[in-house]
Amino acid sequence: MASSGSCDAGFCSKEMKVQHNVITASLNARDKSGRINVRFGADMKTVVVSRRALLSVASPPRATEVRFLQHVDAFCEIVASGLGSKKSGGDVVLVTANDVRRWRRAWQSSEVAAGM
């Protein structure tokens, strides 16, 4: 699965778009957490998406492989916008439900500001 920085579900403004290429994306069926290997320019990151983040990204809440793959770009945008939590030297970034909520608030506030 490859991407070039498109935003998923209409949740990113022009200001938040950062080019990225998804190398691999998979969901751990046992604990329902996701793993994305993504390249931001020259930097390679591993994004770990918590089950709760997956449940928080859309309504109704679902922790399925389909939901995860639908929102891979959204999770990459969260990391690109600096809202993910860095682990072990910065090559691994954890996306939590709190990160998803902060990202949505930032997106909504940028939409309100653009409308003024």
N, C-alpha and C. Protein backbone atom coordinates (compact mmCIF):
# COMPACT_ATOMS: atom_id res chain seq x y z
N MET A 1 0.84 -1.17 0.00
CA MET A 1 0.00 0.00 0.00
C MET A 1 0.88 1.23 0.00
N ALA A 2 0.71 2.11 -0.94
CA ALA A 2 1.53 3.31 -1.03
C ALA A 2 0.62 4.52 -1.04
N SER A 3 1.16 5.62 -0.57
CA SER A 3 0.40 6.84 -0.50
C SER A 3 1.33 8.01 -0.74
N SER A 4 0.77 9.12 -1.11
CA SER A 4 1.59 10.29 -1.32
C SER A 4 1.06 11.48 -0.53
N GLY A 5 0.60 11.21 0.68
CA GLY A 5 0.22 12.30 1.55
C GLY A 5 -1.22 12.72 1.45
N SER A 6 -2.09 11.92 0.85
CA SER A 6 -3.49 12.29 0.80
C SER A 6 -4.09 12.15 2.19
N CYS A 7 -5.14 12.92 2.45
CA CYS A 7 -5.76 12.87 3.77
C CYS A 7 -6.99 12.01 3.72
N ASP A 8 -7.24 11.28 4.79
CA ASP A 8 -8.33 10.34 4.85
C ASP A 8 -9.52 10.96 5.56
N ALA A 9 -10.69 10.67 5.10
CA ALA A 9 -11.95 11.07 5.74
C ALA A 9 -12.10 12.58 5.86
N GLY A 10 -11.36 13.36 5.07
CA GLY A 10 -11.49 14.80 5.09
C GLY A 10 -11.01 15.47 6.35
N PHE A 11 -10.13 14.81 7.11
CA PHE A 11 -9.72 15.35 8.39
C PHE A 11 -8.39 16.06 8.37
N CYS A 12 -7.96 16.62 7.25
CA CYS A 12 -6.75 17.43 7.35
C CYS A 12 -6.87 18.64 6.46
N SER A 13 -6.34 19.72 6.94
CA SER A 13 -6.38 20.95 6.18
C SER A 13 -5.13 21.03 5.31
N LYS A 14 -5.10 21.99 4.43
CA LYS A 14 -3.94 22.15 3.55
C LYS A 14 -2.67 22.37 4.37
N GLU A 15 -2.78 23.07 5.49
CA GLU A 15 -1.61 23.37 6.30
C GLU A 15 -1.01 22.12 6.93
N MET A 16 -1.83 21.09 7.17
CA MET A 16 -1.35 19.92 7.89
C MET A 16 -0.79 18.84 6.95
N LYS A 17 -0.95 18.97 5.64
CA LYS A 17 -0.49 17.93 4.73
C LYS A 17 1.03 17.89 4.67
N VAL A 18 1.59 16.71 4.86
CA VAL A 18 3.01 16.47 4.75
C VAL A 18 3.16 15.24 3.87
N GLN A 19 4.04 15.31 2.88
CA GLN A 19 4.22 14.19 1.97
C GLN A 19 4.75 12.98 2.73
N HIS A 20 4.17 11.83 2.45
CA HIS A 20 4.64 10.59 3.06
C HIS A 20 4.35 9.42 2.12
N ASN A 21 5.13 8.37 2.27
CA ASN A 21 4.93 7.15 1.50
C ASN A 21 4.79 5.99 2.48
N VAL A 22 3.66 5.32 2.43
CA VAL A 22 3.44 4.16 3.28
C VAL A 22 4.12 2.97 2.63
N ILE A 23 5.00 2.31 3.38
CA ILE A 23 5.71 1.15 2.88
C ILE A 23 4.89 -0.11 3.18
N THR A 24 4.53 -0.31 4.44
CA THR A 24 3.68 -1.43 4.84
C THR A 24 2.72 -0.97 5.92
N ALA A 25 1.58 -1.64 5.99
CA ALA A 25 0.60 -1.38 7.04
C ALA A 25 -0.07 -2.70 7.38
N SER A 26 -0.11 -3.01 8.68
CA SER A 26 -0.74 -4.28 9.09
C SER A 26 -1.38 -4.11 10.47
N LEU A 27 -2.39 -4.94 10.70
CA LEU A 27 -3.09 -4.94 11.99
C LEU A 27 -2.78 -6.25 12.69
N ASN A 28 -2.41 -6.17 13.97
CA ASN A 28 -2.19 -7.36 14.78
C ASN A 28 -3.57 -7.84 15.22
N ALA A 29 -3.96 -8.99 14.72
CA ALA A 29 -5.32 -9.50 14.97
C ALA A 29 -5.55 -9.82 16.44
N ARG A 30 -4.51 -10.18 17.17
CA ARG A 30 -4.67 -10.55 18.58
C ARG A 30 -4.96 -9.35 19.46
N ASP A 31 -4.13 -8.32 19.38
CA ASP A 31 -4.35 -7.18 20.27
C ASP A 31 -4.97 -5.98 19.57
N LYS A 32 -5.30 -6.12 18.28
CA LYS A 32 -5.99 -5.09 17.51
C LYS A 32 -5.24 -3.76 17.47
N SER A 33 -3.90 -3.83 17.43
CA SER A 33 -3.10 -2.62 17.25
C SER A 33 -2.49 -2.66 15.85
N GLY A 34 -2.23 -1.49 15.31
CA GLY A 34 -1.71 -1.40 13.96
C GLY A 34 -0.25 -1.01 13.94
N ARG A 35 0.39 -1.34 12.83
CA ARG A 35 1.80 -1.00 12.63
C ARG A 35 1.95 -0.50 11.19
N ILE A 36 2.54 0.69 11.04
CA ILE A 36 2.75 1.30 9.73
C ILE A 36 4.22 1.65 9.60
N ASN A 37 4.85 1.19 8.54
CA ASN A 37 6.19 1.64 8.19
C ASN A 37 6.01 2.70 7.12
N VAL A 38 6.48 3.91 7.41
CA VAL A 38 6.22 5.05 6.53
C VAL A 38 7.48 5.89 6.38
N ARG A 39 7.62 6.47 5.22
CA ARG A 39 8.75 7.36 4.94
C ARG A 39 8.23 8.79 4.81
N PHE A 40 8.82 9.68 5.64
CA PHE A 40 8.56 11.11 5.56
C PHE A 40 9.83 11.73 5.00
N GLY A 41 9.86 12.01 3.71
CA GLY A 41 11.08 12.51 3.09
C GLY A 41 12.16 11.45 3.21
N ALA A 42 13.29 11.79 3.85
CA ALA A 42 14.39 10.84 4.02
C ALA A 42 14.24 10.02 5.30
N ASP A 43 13.30 10.38 6.17
CA ASP A 43 13.14 9.70 7.46
C ASP A 43 12.18 8.53 7.36
N MET A 44 12.61 7.39 7.90
CA MET A 44 11.75 6.21 7.97
C MET A 44 11.26 6.08 9.40
N LYS A 45 9.96 5.94 9.59
CA LYS A 45 9.36 5.80 10.92
C LYS A 45 8.50 4.56 10.97
N THR A 46 8.41 3.99 12.16
CA THR A 46 7.45 2.93 12.44
C THR A 46 6.38 3.55 13.32
N VAL A 47 5.15 3.51 12.85
CA VAL A 47 4.03 4.08 13.59
C VAL A 47 3.25 2.92 14.19
N VAL A 48 3.11 2.94 15.52
CA VAL A 48 2.31 1.94 16.21
C VAL A 48 1.01 2.62 16.62
N VAL A 49 -0.10 2.06 16.15
CA VAL A 49 -1.43 2.63 16.41
C VAL A 49 -2.11 1.77 17.47
N SER A 50 -2.42 2.39 18.60
CA SER A 50 -3.07 1.63 19.68
C SER A 50 -4.50 1.25 19.28
N ARG A 51 -5.00 0.23 19.93
CA ARG A 51 -6.38 -0.20 19.70
C ARG A 51 -7.35 0.94 19.99
N ARG A 52 -7.11 1.66 21.06
CA ARG A 52 -7.99 2.77 21.43
C ARG A 52 -7.95 3.89 20.39
N ALA A 53 -6.79 4.13 19.78
CA ALA A 53 -6.69 5.13 18.71
C ALA A 53 -7.52 4.68 17.52
N LEU A 54 -7.44 3.41 17.20
CA LEU A 54 -8.23 2.86 16.09
C LEU A 54 -9.73 3.00 16.37
N LEU A 55 -10.13 2.77 17.61
CA LEU A 55 -11.53 2.93 17.97
C LEU A 55 -11.97 4.40 17.92
N SER A 56 -11.04 5.32 18.14
CA SER A 56 -11.36 6.75 18.22
C SER A 56 -11.37 7.47 16.88
N VAL A 57 -10.81 6.87 15.86
CA VAL A 57 -10.62 7.59 14.60
C VAL A 57 -11.92 7.80 13.82
N ALA A 58 -12.93 6.97 14.02
CA ALA A 58 -14.18 7.13 13.27
C ALA A 58 -15.34 6.54 14.08
N SER A 59 -16.53 6.89 13.66
CA SER A 59 -17.73 6.40 14.34
C SER A 59 -18.55 5.59 13.35
N PRO A 60 -19.09 4.47 13.74
CA PRO A 60 -19.01 3.83 15.05
C PRO A 60 -17.63 3.24 15.28
N PRO A 61 -17.21 3.12 16.55
CA PRO A 61 -15.89 2.60 16.86
C PRO A 61 -15.75 1.14 16.43
N ARG A 62 -14.70 0.86 15.67
CA ARG A 62 -14.40 -0.51 15.24
C ARG A 62 -12.90 -0.70 15.20
N ALA A 63 -12.44 -1.83 15.72
CA ALA A 63 -11.01 -2.16 15.67
C ALA A 63 -10.85 -3.32 14.69
N THR A 64 -11.04 -3.00 13.40
CA THR A 64 -10.93 -4.02 12.36
C THR A 64 -9.84 -3.66 11.38
N GLU A 65 -9.41 -4.65 10.62
CA GLU A 65 -8.38 -4.40 9.61
C GLU A 65 -8.88 -3.42 8.55
N VAL A 66 -10.13 -3.54 8.17
CA VAL A 66 -10.69 -2.62 7.17
C VAL A 66 -10.64 -1.19 7.68
N ARG A 67 -11.09 -0.97 8.93
CA ARG A 67 -11.07 0.39 9.51
C ARG A 67 -9.64 0.91 9.58
N PHE A 68 -8.70 0.05 10.01
CA PHE A 68 -7.30 0.46 10.10
C PHE A 68 -6.78 0.90 8.73
N LEU A 69 -7.01 0.09 7.71
CA LEU A 69 -6.50 0.41 6.37
C LEU A 69 -7.18 1.65 5.79
N GLN A 70 -8.44 1.89 6.13
CA GLN A 70 -9.14 3.09 5.67
C GLN A 70 -8.51 4.35 6.23
N HIS A 71 -7.89 4.27 7.40
CA HIS A 71 -7.40 5.46 8.09
C HIS A 71 -5.87 5.50 8.23
N VAL A 72 -5.16 4.70 7.45
CA VAL A 72 -3.69 4.72 7.51
C VAL A 72 -3.15 6.12 7.24
N ASP A 73 -3.68 6.80 6.23
CA ASP A 73 -3.21 8.16 5.93
C ASP A 73 -3.49 9.12 7.08
N ALA A 74 -4.64 8.96 7.75
CA ALA A 74 -4.95 9.82 8.88
C ALA A 74 -3.94 9.62 10.01
N PHE A 75 -3.56 8.37 10.29
CA PHE A 75 -2.56 8.13 11.33
C PHE A 75 -1.20 8.71 10.94
N CYS A 76 -0.87 8.64 9.65
CA CYS A 76 0.38 9.24 9.18
C CYS A 76 0.33 10.76 9.32
N GLU A 77 -0.81 11.37 9.06
CA GLU A 77 -0.96 12.81 9.24
C GLU A 77 -0.81 13.21 10.70
N ILE A 78 -1.31 12.38 11.61
CA ILE A 78 -1.15 12.65 13.04
C ILE A 78 0.33 12.70 13.39
N VAL A 79 1.08 11.74 12.89
CA VAL A 79 2.52 11.72 13.16
C VAL A 79 3.21 12.91 12.50
N ALA A 80 2.85 13.21 11.25
CA ALA A 80 3.47 14.32 10.53
C ALA A 80 3.20 15.66 11.21
N SER A 81 2.05 15.79 11.85
CA SER A 81 1.71 17.04 12.52
C SER A 81 2.35 17.15 13.91
N GLY A 82 3.09 16.10 14.31
CA GLY A 82 3.81 16.15 15.58
C GLY A 82 2.99 15.75 16.78
N LEU A 83 1.84 15.15 16.57
CA LEU A 83 0.97 14.82 17.70
C LEU A 83 1.20 13.42 18.25
N GLY A 84 1.94 12.58 17.55
CA GLY A 84 2.23 11.23 18.06
C GLY A 84 3.27 11.27 19.17
N SER A 85 3.34 10.23 19.98
CA SER A 85 4.29 10.15 21.09
C SER A 85 5.51 9.34 20.66
N LYS A 86 6.68 9.97 20.67
CA LYS A 86 7.90 9.27 20.25
C LYS A 86 8.34 8.25 21.28
N LYS A 87 8.82 7.10 20.79
CA LYS A 87 9.36 6.05 21.65
C LYS A 87 10.74 5.70 21.14
N SER A 88 11.58 5.21 21.97
CA SER A 88 12.90 4.66 21.65
C SER A 88 13.65 5.42 20.56
N GLY A 89 14.05 6.63 20.86
CA GLY A 89 14.92 7.39 19.98
C GLY A 89 14.25 8.07 18.80
N GLY A 90 12.93 8.02 18.71
CA GLY A 90 12.25 8.76 17.67
C GLY A 90 11.95 8.00 16.40
N ASP A 91 12.47 6.78 16.23
CA ASP A 91 12.16 6.01 15.02
C ASP A 91 10.81 5.31 15.13
N VAL A 92 10.34 5.12 16.36
CA VAL A 92 9.03 4.51 16.60
C VAL A 92 8.14 5.56 17.23
N VAL A 93 6.96 5.73 16.64
CA VAL A 93 6.01 6.72 17.14
C VAL A 93 4.71 6.00 17.49
N LEU A 94 4.21 6.23 18.69
CA LEU A 94 2.96 5.63 19.15
C LEU A 94 1.83 6.63 18.94
N VAL A 95 0.74 6.20 18.31
CA VAL A 95 -0.45 7.03 18.16
C VAL A 95 -1.51 6.47 19.10
N THR A 96 -1.95 7.31 20.03
CA THR A 96 -2.94 6.92 21.03
C THR A 96 -4.28 7.60 20.75
N ALA A 97 -5.30 7.22 21.51
CA ALA A 97 -6.61 7.85 21.38
C ALA A 97 -6.52 9.35 21.69
N ASN A 98 -5.69 9.73 22.65
CA ASN A 98 -5.51 11.15 22.97
C ASN A 98 -4.92 11.91 21.79
N ASP A 99 -3.97 11.28 21.07
CA ASP A 99 -3.38 11.91 19.88
C ASP A 99 -4.45 12.13 18.81
N VAL A 100 -5.32 11.14 18.62
CA VAL A 100 -6.40 11.26 17.63
C VAL A 100 -7.32 12.41 18.01
N ARG A 101 -7.68 12.50 19.28
CA ARG A 101 -8.56 13.59 19.73
C ARG A 101 -7.90 14.95 19.54
N ARG A 102 -6.61 15.09 19.89
CA ARG A 102 -5.90 16.37 19.70
C ARG A 102 -5.84 16.74 18.22
N TRP A 103 -5.59 15.75 17.37
CA TRP A 103 -5.51 16.00 15.93
C TRP A 103 -6.86 16.46 15.38
N ARG A 104 -7.94 15.84 15.82
CA ARG A 104 -9.27 16.25 15.37
C ARG A 104 -9.57 17.68 15.81
N ARG A 105 -9.22 18.01 17.07
CA ARG A 105 -9.46 19.38 17.55
C ARG A 105 -8.65 20.38 16.73
N ALA A 106 -7.40 20.05 16.42
CA ALA A 106 -6.56 20.95 15.62
C ALA A 106 -7.15 21.13 14.22
N TRP A 107 -7.64 20.04 13.65
CA TRP A 107 -8.25 20.10 12.33
C TRP A 107 -9.51 20.96 12.36
N GLN A 108 -10.34 20.74 13.37
CA GLN A 108 -11.59 21.50 13.46
C GLN A 108 -11.32 22.98 13.69
N SER A 109 -10.32 23.31 14.50
CA SER A 109 -10.03 24.72 14.76
C SER A 109 -9.43 25.38 13.52
N SER A 110 -8.67 24.64 12.70
CA SER A 110 -8.13 25.22 11.47
C SER A 110 -9.24 25.45 10.45
N GLU A 111 -10.26 24.60 10.44
CA GLU A 111 -11.40 24.78 9.55
C GLU A 111 -12.20 26.00 9.98
N VAL A 112 -12.37 26.21 11.27
CA VAL A 112 -13.11 27.38 11.77
C VAL A 112 -12.35 28.65 11.42
N ALA A 113 -11.02 28.65 11.62
CA ALA A 113 -10.21 29.83 11.31
C ALA A 113 -10.23 30.14 9.82
N ALA A 114 -10.24 29.12 8.99
CA ALA A 114 -10.26 29.33 7.54
C ALA A 114 -11.60 29.91 7.09
N GLY A 115 -12.66 29.61 7.82
CA GLY A 115 -13.99 30.12 7.47
C GLY A 115 -14.23 31.54 7.89
N MET A 116 -13.36 32.11 8.71
CA MET A 116 -13.57 33.48 9.21
C MET A 116 -13.13 34.50 8.22
